[in-house]
C-alpha atoms as a PDB file:
ATOM      1  CA  MET A   1      18.393 -24.691  -7.276  1.00  0.00           C
ATOM      2  CA  GLU A   2      21.904 -24.088  -8.516  1.00  0.00           C
ATOM      3  CA  LEU A   3      22.746 -21.400 -11.121  1.00  0.00           C
ATOM      4  CA  ARG A   4      25.074 -22.839 -13.771  1.00  0.00           C
ATOM      5  CA  GLN A   5      27.351 -20.540 -15.690  1.00  0.00           C
ATOM      6  CA  SER A   6      26.455 -22.179 -19.000  1.00  0.00           C
ATOM      7  CA  ASP A   7      22.746 -21.281 -18.431  1.00  0.00           C
ATOM      8  CA  LEU A   8      23.543 -17.663 -17.611  1.00  0.00           C
ATOM      9  CA  GLN A   9      25.774 -17.447 -20.709  1.00  0.00           C
ATOM     10  CA  LEU A  10      22.959 -18.783 -22.754  1.00  0.00           C
ATOM     11  CA  CYS A  11      20.651 -16.017 -21.551  1.00  0.00           C
ATOM     12  CA  SER A  12      23.374 -13.494 -22.314  1.00  0.00           C
ATOM     13  CA  ALA A  13      23.758 -14.791 -25.842  1.00  0.00           C
ATOM     14  CA  ILE A  14      20.088 -14.478 -26.539  1.00  0.00           C
ATOM     15  CA  ARG A  15      20.043 -10.922 -25.133  1.00  0.00           C
ATOM     16  CA  ALA A  16      23.074  -9.998 -27.190  1.00  0.00           C
ATOM     17  CA  ASN A  17      21.308 -11.111 -30.404  1.00  0.00           C
ATOM     18  CA  LEU A  18      18.276  -9.030 -29.645  1.00  0.00           C
ATOM     19  CA  GLU A  19      20.287  -6.036 -28.707  1.00  0.00           C
ATOM     20  CA  SER A  20      22.192  -6.225 -31.908  1.00  0.00           C
ATOM     21  CA  CYS A  21      18.912  -6.132 -33.834  1.00  0.00           C
ATOM     22  CA  ILE A  22      17.213  -3.242 -32.007  1.00  0.00           C
ATOM     23  CA  LEU A  23      19.620  -0.513 -30.824  1.00  0.00           C
ATOM     24  CA  GLY A  24      19.266   1.308 -27.538  1.00  0.00           C
ATOM     25  CA  LYS A  25      16.403  -0.740 -26.087  1.00  0.00           C
ATOM     26  CA  GLN A  26      18.116  -2.706 -23.384  1.00  0.00           C
ATOM     27  CA  ASP A  27      15.423  -2.332 -20.785  1.00  0.00           C
ATOM     28  CA  GLU A  28      12.660  -3.349 -23.157  1.00  0.00           C
ATOM     29  CA  ILE A  29      14.594  -6.339 -24.397  1.00  0.00           C
ATOM     30  CA  GLU A  30      15.260  -7.509 -20.823  1.00  0.00           C
ATOM     31  CA  ARG A  31      11.622  -7.321 -19.993  1.00  0.00           C
ATOM     32  CA  MET A  32      10.779  -9.290 -23.194  1.00  0.00           C
ATOM     33  CA  LEU A  33      13.363 -11.921 -22.284  1.00  0.00           C
ATOM     34  CA  THR A  34      11.835 -12.057 -18.752  1.00  0.00           C
ATOM     35  CA  ALA A  35       8.419 -12.885 -20.172  1.00  0.00           C
ATOM     36  CA  VAL A  36       9.849 -15.599 -22.468  1.00  0.00           C
ATOM     37  CA  LEU A  37      11.732 -17.271 -19.559  1.00  0.00           C
ATOM     38  CA  SER A  38       8.559 -17.225 -17.472  1.00  0.00           C
ATOM     39  CA  GLY A  39       6.477 -18.609 -20.290  1.00  0.00           C
ATOM     40  CA  GLY A  40       4.245 -15.531 -20.671  1.00  0.00           C
ATOM     41  CA  HIS A  41       2.652 -13.986 -23.742  1.00  0.00           C
ATOM     42  CA  ILE A  42       3.573 -10.547 -24.904  1.00  0.00           C
ATOM     43  CA  LEU A  43       1.696  -7.684 -26.451  1.00  0.00           C
ATOM     44  CA  LEU A  44       3.913  -5.134 -28.337  1.00  0.00           C
ATOM     45  CA  GLU A  45       2.079  -1.918 -28.884  1.00  0.00           C
ATOM     46  CA  ASP A  46       3.827   0.926 -30.779  1.00  0.00           C
ATOM     47  CA  VAL A  47       3.816   3.153 -33.792  1.00  0.00           C
ATOM     48  CA  PRO A  48       4.944   1.628 -37.181  1.00  0.00           C
ATOM     49  CA  GLY A  49       8.564   1.271 -37.998  1.00  0.00           C
ATOM     50  CA  THR A  50      10.017   0.879 -34.523  1.00  0.00           C
ATOM     51  CA  GLY A  51      11.155  -2.715 -35.102  1.00  0.00           C
ATOM     52  CA  LYS A  52       8.455  -4.736 -33.390  1.00  0.00           C
ATOM     53  CA  THR A  53       8.265  -7.574 -36.054  1.00  0.00           C
ATOM     54  CA  GLN A  54      12.081  -7.667 -36.480  1.00  0.00           C
ATOM     55  CA  LEU A  55      12.593  -8.060 -32.770  1.00  0.00           C
ATOM     56  CA  VAL A  56      10.255 -11.098 -32.684  1.00  0.00           C
ATOM     57  CA  LYS A  57      11.977 -12.550 -35.726  1.00  0.00           C
ATOM     58  CA  ALA A  58      15.340 -12.135 -34.031  1.00  0.00           C
ATOM     59  CA  LEU A  59      14.061 -13.938 -30.919  1.00  0.00           C
ATOM     60  CA  ALA A  60      12.743 -16.814 -33.003  1.00  0.00           C
ATOM     61  CA  LYS A  61      16.073 -17.305 -34.792  1.00  0.00           C
ATOM     62  CA  SER A  62      17.968 -17.200 -31.526  1.00  0.00           C
ATOM     63  CA  ILE A  63      16.026 -19.914 -29.697  1.00  0.00           C
ATOM     64  CA  GLY A  64      15.311 -22.209 -32.637  1.00  0.00           C
ATOM     65  CA  GLY A  65      11.947 -24.180 -32.585  1.00  0.00           C
ATOM     66  CA  GLN A  66       9.018 -23.666 -34.943  1.00  0.00           C
ATOM     67  CA  PHE A  67       8.165 -20.096 -35.802  1.00  0.00           C
ATOM     68  CA  ARG A  68       5.021 -18.869 -37.588  1.00  0.00           C
ATOM     69  CA  ARG A  69       3.719 -15.438 -38.471  1.00  0.00           C
ATOM     70  CA  ILE A  70       0.123 -14.355 -38.943  1.00  0.00           C
ATOM     71  CA  GLN A  71      -0.690 -11.090 -40.712  1.00  0.00           C
ATOM     72  CA  CYS A  72      -4.034 -10.174 -39.093  1.00  0.00           C
ATOM     73  CA  ASN A  73      -6.758  -8.441 -41.156  1.00  0.00           C
ATOM     74  CA  PRO A  74     -10.603  -8.351 -41.038  1.00  0.00           C
ATOM     75  CA  ASP A  75     -10.860 -11.306 -43.504  1.00  0.00           C
ATOM     76  CA  LEU A  76      -8.918 -13.650 -41.235  1.00  0.00           C
ATOM     77  CA  LEU A  77     -11.045 -16.477 -39.949  1.00  0.00           C
ATOM     78  CA  PRO A  78     -10.558 -18.438 -36.683  1.00  0.00           C
ATOM     79  CA  THR A  79      -9.885 -21.615 -38.656  1.00  0.00           C
ATOM     80  CA  ASP A  80      -7.092 -19.768 -40.534  1.00  0.00           C
ATOM     81  CA  ILE A  81      -5.277 -19.747 -37.149  1.00  0.00           C
ATOM     82  CA  THR A  82      -6.276 -22.970 -35.424  1.00  0.00           C
ATOM     83  CA  GLY A  83      -6.602 -25.262 -38.450  1.00  0.00           C
ATOM     84  CA  VAL A  84      -9.494 -27.087 -40.195  1.00  0.00           C
ATOM     85  CA  SER A  85     -10.834 -30.578 -40.585  1.00  0.00           C
ATOM     86  CA  ILE A  86     -10.961 -31.587 -44.239  1.00  0.00           C
ATOM     87  CA  TYR A  87     -12.828 -34.679 -45.640  1.00  0.00           C
ATOM     88  CA  HIS A  88     -10.525 -37.255 -47.285  1.00  0.00           C
ATOM     89  CA  PRO A  89     -12.432 -39.297 -49.894  1.00  0.00           C
ATOM     90  CA  LYS A  90     -10.096 -42.239 -49.978  1.00  0.00           C
ATOM     91  CA  GLN A  91     -10.020 -42.697 -46.201  1.00  0.00           C
ATOM     92  CA  GLU A  92     -13.695 -41.682 -45.891  1.00  0.00           C
ATOM     93  CA  THR A  93     -12.949 -39.627 -42.818  1.00  0.00           C
ATOM     94  CA  PHE A  94     -12.041 -36.094 -41.785  1.00  0.00           C
ATOM     95  CA  LEU A  95      -8.365 -35.240 -41.332  1.00  0.00           C
ATOM     96  CA  PHE A  96      -7.161 -32.298 -39.326  1.00  0.00           C
ATOM     97  CA  ARG A  97      -4.912 -29.858 -41.152  1.00  0.00           C
ATOM     98  CA  ALA A  98      -3.112 -27.855 -38.506  1.00  0.00           C
ATOM     99  CA  GLY A  99      -3.070 -24.054 -38.698  1.00  0.00           C
ATOM    100  CA  PRO A 100      -0.056 -21.800 -37.991  1.00  0.00           C
ATOM    101  CA  ILE A 101      -0.731 -21.767 -34.239  1.00  0.00           C
ATOM    102  CA  MET A 102       0.810 -25.260 -34.050  1.00  0.00           C
ATOM    103  CA  CYS A 103       4.293 -23.870 -33.307  1.00  0.00           C
ATOM    104  CA  HIS A 104       6.549 -22.827 -30.502  1.00  0.00           C
ATOM    105  CA  LEU A 105       6.547 -19.037 -31.230  1.00  0.00           C
ATOM    106  CA  LEU A 106       3.580 -17.439 -32.931  1.00  0.00           C
ATOM    107  CA  LEU A 107       3.772 -13.830 -34.126  1.00  0.00           C
ATOM    108  CA  ALA A 108       0.235 -12.259 -34.595  1.00  0.00           C
ATOM    109  CA  ASP A 109       1.127  -9.001 -36.446  1.00  0.00           C
ATOM    110  CA  GLU A 110      -1.334  -6.132 -36.054  1.00  0.00           C
ATOM    111  CA  ILE A 111      -3.638  -8.255 -33.920  1.00  0.00           C
ATOM    112  CA  ASN A 112      -6.178  -5.424 -33.568  1.00  0.00           C
ATOM    113  CA  ARG A 113      -6.970  -5.672 -37.316  1.00  0.00           C
ATOM    114  CA  ALA A 114      -8.565  -9.116 -36.811  1.00  0.00           C
ATOM    115  CA  THR A 115     -12.229  -9.319 -35.853  1.00  0.00           C
ATOM    116  CA  THR A 116     -13.125 -10.059 -32.242  1.00  0.00           C
ATOM    117  CA  LYS A 117     -14.186 -13.544 -33.304  1.00  0.00           C
ATOM    118  CA  THR A 118     -10.825 -14.302 -34.669  1.00  0.00           C
ATOM    119  CA  GLN A 119      -9.114 -12.712 -31.681  1.00  0.00           C
ATOM    120  CA  SER A 120     -11.070 -14.974 -29.355  1.00  0.00           C
ATOM    121  CA  ALA A 121      -9.763 -18.035 -31.159  1.00  0.00           C
ATOM    122  CA  LEU A 122      -6.400 -17.276 -29.515  1.00  0.00           C
ATOM    123  CA  LEU A 123      -7.859 -17.235 -25.966  1.00  0.00           C
ATOM    124  CA  GLU A 124      -7.913 -21.037 -25.516  1.00  0.00           C
ATOM    125  CA  ALA A 125      -4.509 -21.421 -26.919  1.00  0.00           C
ATOM    126  CA  MET A 126      -3.034 -18.674 -24.689  1.00  0.00           C
ATOM    127  CA  GLU A 127      -4.463 -20.044 -21.462  1.00  0.00           C
ATOM    128  CA  GLU A 128      -4.860 -23.811 -21.912  1.00  0.00           C
ATOM    129  CA  GLY A 129      -2.152 -24.652 -24.399  1.00  0.00           C
ATOM    130  CA  HIS A 130      -4.416 -26.378 -26.850  1.00  0.00           C
ATOM    131  CA  VAL A 131      -7.096 -25.685 -29.502  1.00  0.00           C
ATOM    132  CA  THR A 132     -10.449 -27.328 -30.144  1.00  0.00           C
ATOM    133  CA  VAL A 133     -11.618 -27.854 -33.696  1.00  0.00           C
ATOM    134  CA  ASP A 134     -14.896 -29.638 -34.506  1.00  0.00           C
ATOM    135  CA  GLY A 135     -15.072 -30.957 -30.967  1.00  0.00           C
ATOM    136  CA  GLU A 136     -11.544 -32.445 -31.013  1.00  0.00           C
ATOM    137  CA  THR A 137      -8.813 -31.045 -28.766  1.00  0.00           C
ATOM    138  CA  TYR A 138      -5.259 -30.708 -30.172  1.00  0.00           C
ATOM    139  CA  GLU A 139      -2.318 -29.937 -27.879  1.00  0.00           C
ATOM    140  CA  LEU A 140       0.136 -27.209 -28.905  1.00  0.00           C
ATOM    141  CA  PRO A 141       3.871 -27.748 -28.893  1.00  0.00           C
ATOM    142  CA  ARG A 142       5.704 -26.965 -25.641  1.00  0.00           C
ATOM    143  CA  PRO A 143       6.616 -24.339 -24.977  1.00  0.00           C
ATOM    144  CA  PHE A 144       4.079 -22.081 -26.761  1.00  0.00           C
ATOM    145  CA  LEU A 145       4.611 -18.319 -26.840  1.00  0.00           C
ATOM    146  CA  LEU A 146       2.364 -15.749 -28.513  1.00  0.00           C
ATOM    147  CA  ILE A 147       3.721 -12.339 -29.232  1.00  0.00           C
ATOM    148  CA  ALA A 148       1.215  -9.948 -30.756  1.00  0.00           C
ATOM    149  CA  THR A 149       1.784  -6.385 -32.128  1.00  0.00           C
ATOM    150  CA  GLN A 150      -0.666  -3.651 -32.614  1.00  0.00           C
ATOM    151  CA  ASN A 151      -0.644  -0.104 -33.835  1.00  0.00           C
ATOM    152  CA  PRO A 152      -2.229   2.315 -31.266  1.00  0.00           C
ATOM    153  CA  ILE A 153      -2.682   5.257 -33.648  1.00  0.00           C
ATOM    154  CA  GLU A 154      -5.055   3.724 -36.326  1.00  0.00           C
ATOM    155  CA  PHE A 155      -8.740   3.267 -35.720  1.00  0.00           C
ATOM    156  CA  GLU A 156     -10.230   2.499 -39.105  1.00  0.00           C
ATOM    157  CA  GLY A 157     -10.524  -1.254 -39.735  1.00  0.00           C
ATOM    158  CA  THR A 158      -9.328  -2.157 -36.201  1.00  0.00           C
ATOM    159  CA  TYR A 159     -10.943  -3.935 -33.323  1.00  0.00           C
ATOM    160  CA  VAL A 160     -10.120  -3.187 -29.720  1.00  0.00           C
ATOM    161  CA  LEU A 161      -8.762  -6.240 -27.850  1.00  0.00           C
ATOM    162  CA  PRO A 162     -11.320  -7.489 -25.280  1.00  0.00           C
ATOM    163  CA  GLU A 163     -10.341  -7.157 -21.649  1.00  0.00           C
ATOM    164  CA  ALA A 164     -10.363 -10.985 -21.210  1.00  0.00           C
ATOM    165  CA  GLN A 165      -7.721 -11.365 -23.863  1.00  0.00           C
ATOM    166  CA  LEU A 166      -5.636  -8.453 -22.578  1.00  0.00           C
ATOM    167  CA  ASP A 167      -5.467 -10.193 -19.201  1.00  0.00           C
ATOM    168  CA  ARG A 168      -3.883 -13.265 -20.833  1.00  0.00           C
ATOM    169  CA  PHE A 169      -0.923 -11.273 -21.976  1.00  0.00           C
ATOM    170  CA  MET A 170       1.736 -11.252 -19.204  1.00  0.00           C
ATOM    171  CA  MET A 171       3.259  -7.979 -20.442  1.00  0.00           C
ATOM    172  CA  LYS A 172       2.364  -5.114 -22.644  1.00  0.00           C
ATOM    173  CA  LEU A 173       5.596  -3.480 -24.008  1.00  0.00           C
ATOM    174  CA  SER A 174       6.319  -0.456 -26.108  1.00  0.00           C
ATOM    175  CA  LEU A 175       9.743   0.082 -27.809  1.00  0.00           C
ATOM    176  CA  GLY A 176       9.399   3.759 -28.569  1.00  0.00           C
ATOM    177  CA  TYR A 177      11.574   5.752 -30.851  1.00  0.00           C
ATOM    178  CA  PRO A 178      15.392   5.305 -30.821  1.00  0.00           C
ATOM    179  CA  SER A 179      17.697   8.027 -29.488  1.00  0.00           C
ATOM    180  CA  ALA A 180      19.220  10.386 -32.052  1.00  0.00           C
ATOM    181  CA  ALA A 181      22.604   8.581 -31.763  1.00  0.00           C
ATOM    182  CA  ASP A 182      21.052   5.134 -32.305  1.00  0.00           C
ATOM    183  CA  GLU A 183      18.987   6.427 -35.226  1.00  0.00           C
ATOM    184  CA  HIS A 184      22.070   7.903 -36.765  1.00  0.00           C
ATOM    185  CA  ARG A 185      23.864   4.498 -36.467  1.00  0.00           C
ATOM    186  CA  MET A 186      20.869   2.865 -38.217  1.00  0.00           C
ATOM    187  CA  ILE A 187      20.917   5.101 -41.241  1.00  0.00           C
ATOM    188  CA  MET A 188      24.704   5.055 -41.575  1.00  0.00           C
ATOM    189  CA  ALA A 189      24.829   1.255 -41.683  1.00  0.00           C
ATOM    190  CA  SER A 190      26.293   0.198 -45.052  1.00  0.00           C
ATOM    191  CA  ASP A 191      24.567  -3.225 -45.157  1.00  0.00           C
ATOM    192  CA  SER A 192      21.170  -2.967 -46.809  1.00  0.00           C
ATOM    193  CA  SER A 193      19.857  -6.095 -45.066  1.00  0.00           C
ATOM    194  CA  HIS A 194      18.242  -5.920 -41.600  1.00  0.00           C
ATOM    195  CA  PRO A 195      20.310  -7.001 -38.672  1.00  0.00           C
ATOM    196  CA  SER A 196      17.751  -9.720 -37.865  1.00  0.00           C
ATOM    197  CA  ASP A 197      18.677 -11.407 -41.155  1.00  0.00           C
ATOM    198  CA  ARG A 198      22.214 -11.953 -39.721  1.00  0.00           C
ATOM    199  CA  ILE A 199      21.029 -13.423 -36.384  1.00  0.00           C
ATOM    200  CA  GLU A 200      22.453 -16.922 -35.649  1.00  0.00           C
ATOM    201  CA  GLN A 201      20.798 -19.485 -33.502  1.00  0.00           C
ATOM    202  CA  VAL A 202      22.392 -19.655 -29.990  1.00  0.00           C
ATOM    203  CA  ALA A 203      19.962 -22.079 -28.287  1.00  0.00           C
ATOM    204  CA  GLU A 204      17.708 -25.047 -28.845  1.00  0.00           C
ATOM    205  CA  ILE A 205      14.104 -25.174 -27.919  1.00  0.00           C
ATOM    206  CA  GLU A 206      15.024 -27.732 -25.246  1.00  0.00           C
ATOM    207  CA  ASP A 207      17.371 -25.187 -23.663  1.00  0.00           C
ATOM    208  CA  LEU A 208      14.477 -22.817 -23.333  1.00  0.00           C
ATOM    209  CA  VAL A 209      12.351 -25.454 -21.669  1.00  0.00           C
ATOM    210  CA  ARG A 210      15.182 -26.182 -19.211  1.00  0.00           C
ATOM    211  CA  LEU A 211      15.632 -22.430 -18.437  1.00  0.00           C
ATOM    212  CA  GLN A 212      11.870 -21.997 -17.872  1.00  0.00           C
ATOM    213  CA  GLN A 213      12.010 -24.935 -15.412  1.00  0.00           C
ATOM    214  CA  LEU A 214      14.989 -23.269 -13.606  1.00  0.00           C
ATOM    215  CA  VAL A 215      13.019 -19.999 -13.368  1.00  0.00           C
ATOM    216  CA  SER A 216      10.037 -21.795 -11.776  1.00  0.00           C
ATOM    217  CA  GLU A 217      12.379 -23.048  -9.038  1.00  0.00           C
ATOM    218  CA  VAL A 218      13.513 -19.576  -8.005  1.00  0.00           C
ATOM    219  CA  HIS A 219      12.668 -19.186  -4.309  1.00  0.00           C
ATOM    220  CA  VAL A 220       9.937 -16.775  -3.174  1.00  0.00           C
ATOM    221  CA  ASP A 221       9.800 -15.898   0.475  1.00  0.00           C
ATOM    222  CA  ASN A 222       6.355 -15.799   2.067  1.00  0.00           C
ATOM    223  CA  ALA A 223       6.791 -12.064   2.912  1.00  0.00           C
ATOM    224  CA  VAL A 224       7.640 -11.209  -0.671  1.00  0.00           C
ATOM    225  CA  ALA A 225       4.573 -13.140  -1.924  1.00  0.00           C
ATOM    226  CA  GLU A 226       2.387 -11.203   0.470  1.00  0.00           C
ATOM    227  CA  TYR A 227       4.024  -8.022  -0.842  1.00  0.00           C
ATOM    228  CA  ALA A 228       3.020  -8.924  -4.428  1.00  0.00           C
ATOM    229  CA  VAL A 229      -0.501  -9.777  -3.434  1.00  0.00           C
ATOM    230  CA  SER A 230      -0.887  -6.470  -1.534  1.00  0.00           C
ATOM    231  CA  ILE A 231       0.185  -4.489  -4.598  1.00  0.00           C
ATOM    232  CA  VAL A 232      -2.305  -6.295  -6.789  1.00  0.00           C
ATOM    233  CA  ARG A 233      -5.127  -5.779  -4.286  1.00  0.00           C
ATOM    234  CA  ALA A 234      -4.267  -2.112  -3.940  1.00  0.00           C
ATOM    235  CA  THR A 235      -5.090  -1.572  -7.693  1.00  0.00           C
ATOM    236  CA  ARG A 236      -8.617  -2.929  -7.040  1.00  0.00           C
ATOM    237  CA  SER A 237      -9.304  -0.616  -4.134  1.00  0.00           C
ATOM    238  CA  HIS A 238      -8.015   2.483  -5.806  1.00  0.00           C
ATOM    239  CA  ARG A 239     -10.643   5.196  -6.177  1.00  0.00           C
ATOM    240  CA  ALA A 240      -9.943   5.635  -9.894  1.00  0.00           C
ATOM    241  CA  SER A 241     -10.138   1.855 -10.705  1.00  0.00           C
ATOM    242  CA  LEU A 242     -13.290   0.431 -12.283  1.00  0.00           C
ATOM    243  CA  ILE A 243     -11.630  -3.004 -12.467  1.00  0.00           C
ATOM    244  CA  GLY A 244      -8.263  -3.643 -10.847  1.00  0.00           C
ATOM    245  CA  ALA A 245      -5.642  -6.356 -11.594  1.00  0.00           C
ATOM    246  CA  SER A 246      -6.965  -9.943 -11.559  1.00  0.00           C
ATOM    247  CA  PRO A 247      -5.763 -12.940  -9.577  1.00  0.00           C
ATOM    248  CA  ARG A 248      -4.208 -14.085 -12.873  1.00  0.00           C
ATOM    249  CA  ALA A 249      -2.223 -10.822 -12.686  1.00  0.00           C
ATOM    250  CA  ALA A 250      -0.789 -11.762  -9.275  1.00  0.00           C
ATOM    251  CA  VAL A 251       0.360 -15.150 -10.630  1.00  0.00           C
ATOM    252  CA  SER A 252       1.941 -13.431 -13.683  1.00  0.00           C
ATOM    253  CA  LEU A 253       3.556 -10.940 -11.487  1.00  0.00           C
ATOM    254  CA  MET A 254       5.282 -13.635  -9.405  1.00  0.00           C
ATOM    255  CA  ARG A 255       6.303 -15.630 -12.456  1.00  0.00           C
ATOM    256  CA  ALA A 256       7.932 -12.502 -14.021  1.00  0.00           C
ATOM    257  CA  SER A 257       9.619 -11.635 -10.676  1.00  0.00           C
ATOM    258  CA  ARG A 258      11.213 -15.083 -10.622  1.00  0.00           C
ATOM    259  CA  ALA A 259      12.553 -14.614 -14.140  1.00  0.00           C
ATOM    260  CA  SER A 260      13.805 -11.121 -13.222  1.00  0.00           C
ATOM    261  CA  ALA A 261      15.800 -12.531 -10.314  1.00  0.00           C
ATOM    262  CA  PHE A 262      17.169 -15.364 -12.533  1.00  0.00           C
ATOM    263  CA  LEU A 263      18.451 -12.856 -15.067  1.00  0.00           C
ATOM    264  CA  ARG A 264      20.226 -11.049 -12.200  1.00  0.00           C
ATOM    265  CA  GLU A 265      21.904 -14.280 -11.220  1.00  0.00           C
ATOM    266  CA  ARG A 266      19.935 -14.782  -7.994  1.00  0.00           C
ATOM    267  CA  THR A 267      18.108 -17.872  -6.741  1.00  0.00           C
ATOM    268  CA  PHE A 268      15.578 -15.829  -4.768  1.00  0.00           C
ATOM    269  CA  VAL A 269      13.098 -12.968  -5.461  1.00  0.00           C
ATOM    270  CA  THR A 270      13.466  -9.639  -3.769  1.00  0.00           C
ATOM    271  CA  PRO A 271      10.895  -6.815  -3.407  1.00  0.00           C
ATOM    272  CA  ASP A 272      12.762  -4.811  -6.076  1.00  0.00           C
ATOM    273  CA  ASP A 273      12.037  -7.616  -8.571  1.00  0.00           C
ATOM    274  CA  VAL A 274       8.371  -7.381  -7.790  1.00  0.00           C
ATOM    275  CA  LYS A 275       8.338  -3.537  -8.005  1.00  0.00           C
ATOM    276  CA  ARG A 276      10.230  -3.663 -11.364  1.00  0.00           C
ATOM    277  CA  MET A 277       7.809  -6.202 -12.898  1.00  0.00           C
ATOM    278  CA  ALA A 278       4.649  -4.604 -11.540  1.00  0.00           C
ATOM    279  CA  GLU A 279       5.241  -1.618 -13.748  1.00  0.00           C
ATOM    280  CA  THR A 280       5.016  -3.908 -16.826  1.00  0.00           C
ATOM    281  CA  VAL A 281       2.727  -6.733 -15.770  1.00  0.00           C
ATOM    282  CA  LEU A 282      -0.177  -4.820 -14.171  1.00  0.00           C
ATOM    283  CA  PRO A 283      -1.124  -1.529 -16.089  1.00  0.00           C
ATOM    284  CA  HIS A 284      -2.735  -3.080 -19.148  1.00  0.00           C
ATOM    285  CA  ARG A 285      -5.088  -5.155 -16.880  1.00  0.00           C
ATOM    286  CA  ILE A 286      -6.539  -2.078 -15.103  1.00  0.00           C
ATOM    287  CA  ILE A 287      -9.731  -0.365 -16.309  1.00  0.00           C
ATOM    288  CA  LEU A 288     -10.278   3.160 -15.115  1.00  0.00           C
ATOM    289  CA  HIS A 289     -13.513   5.075 -14.376  1.00  0.00           C
ATOM    290  CA  ALA A 290     -14.546   7.370 -17.137  1.00  0.00           C
ATOM    291  CA  GLU A 291     -14.136  10.377 -14.820  1.00  0.00           C
ATOM    292  CA  ALA A 292     -10.492   9.308 -14.076  1.00  0.00           C
ATOM    293  CA  ARG A 293      -9.728   9.041 -17.770  1.00  0.00           C
ATOM    294  CA  MET A 294     -11.176  12.488 -18.385  1.00  0.00           C
ATOM    295  CA  ASN A 295      -8.954  13.871 -15.642  1.00  0.00           C
ATOM    296  CA  GLY A 296      -5.923  12.463 -17.450  1.00  0.00           C
ATOM    297  CA  LEU A 297      -5.113   9.667 -15.132  1.00  0.00           C
ATOM    298  CA  LYS A 298      -3.569   6.429 -16.601  1.00  0.00           C
ATOM    299  CA  SER A 299      -3.372   2.855 -15.373  1.00  0.00           C
ATOM    300  CA  GLU A 300       0.357   3.361 -14.806  1.00  0.00           C
ATOM    301  CA  ASP A 301      -0.516   6.007 -12.243  1.00  0.00           C
ATOM    302  CA  ILE A 302      -2.613   3.497 -10.398  1.00  0.00           C
ATOM    303  CA  VAL A 303       0.271   1.049 -10.217  1.00  0.00           C
ATOM    304  CA  GLN A 304       2.662   3.739  -8.971  1.00  0.00           C
ATOM    305  CA  ASP A 305       0.159   4.658  -6.247  1.00  0.00           C
ATOM    306  CA  ALA A 306      -0.189   1.015  -5.280  1.00  0.00           C
ATOM    307  CA  LEU A 307       3.583   0.658  -5.087  1.00  0.00           C
ATOM    308  CA  GLN A 308       3.916   3.779  -2.934  1.00  0.00           C
ATOM    309  CA  GLN A 309       1.197   2.841  -0.343  1.00  0.00           C
ATOM    310  CA  THR A 310       2.283  -0.833  -0.035  1.00  0.00           C
ATOM    311  CA  LYS A 311       4.760  -1.394   2.766  1.00  0.00           C
ATOM    312  CA  VAL A 312       7.975  -3.096   1.603  1.00  0.00           C
ATOM    313  CA  PRO A 313       8.872  -6.151   3.663  1.00  0.00           C
ATOM    314  CA  ILE A 314      12.195  -5.710   5.481  1.00  0.00           C
ATOM    315  CA  ARG A 315      13.985  -8.372   7.427  1.00  0.00           C
ATOM    316  CA  MET A 316      16.100  -7.070  10.353  1.00  0.00           C
ATOM    317  CA  GLU A 317      19.324  -8.964  10.894  1.00  0.00           C
ATOM    318  CA  ARG A 318      21.097  -8.952  14.269  1.00  0.00           C
END
């Protein structure tokens, strides 16, 4: 593959839009853009008011395409997302009325407020790229990206995401609070509108499709692929792991590593790309033993142990 300057400038323009919306979160924005370029779904988990929804809106405005937003709550039904078949008296047949999921970028706000039945309605769309209503299958627009947000501190009226659905998210990100300097800049801004309202579109949805195709062509050496697999398998054999990262996690890790290399203007993946992405792609897929949780261990600790015990491939040049 050949890296064109116009494609790299396009990525930089999208990144600049997002960084103008959320101050001081360059690393998190880069990881989010990495997931978008590799076609992965994202779970944003953070306390209220950190800009999760505004960041997604800024991304939607930047890349164009169809954008829909769902405010999840316990009354939300699966058909409110996928769509429903309605009987048409004149035509004497049922017509499908598409739900908000028929778009390029879907924001599921506070997804843990939806019931498990409604959450599961997203599983088929996330993995297969289509929905089934009344026995009929309907393809989603390409590309289709789901970005869900959830609040980790509230428990009343919330439903924990099932492990099967967590595994379908390529990344789980957290923005965190801004620094004191960035928060000072926010409150001193004279404009009452949010920065995302001033975001201008810098790309077409066709551009995103092309960029995703370029990312898929980034070269992966066999030794680097083996390194990624070894890291994933190490999370399964860890003494504190009840369930380690799945084979789907290994595929997601390599896809994200390709996008990470692309953003760094390289046509090949390095072990550093794999290590960088493992810290974001793997932790939310790991389930710990109860005793390990009681001892204060976290899934991030399992990933760090896996990275430390896995030998990094090195090619000796003469």
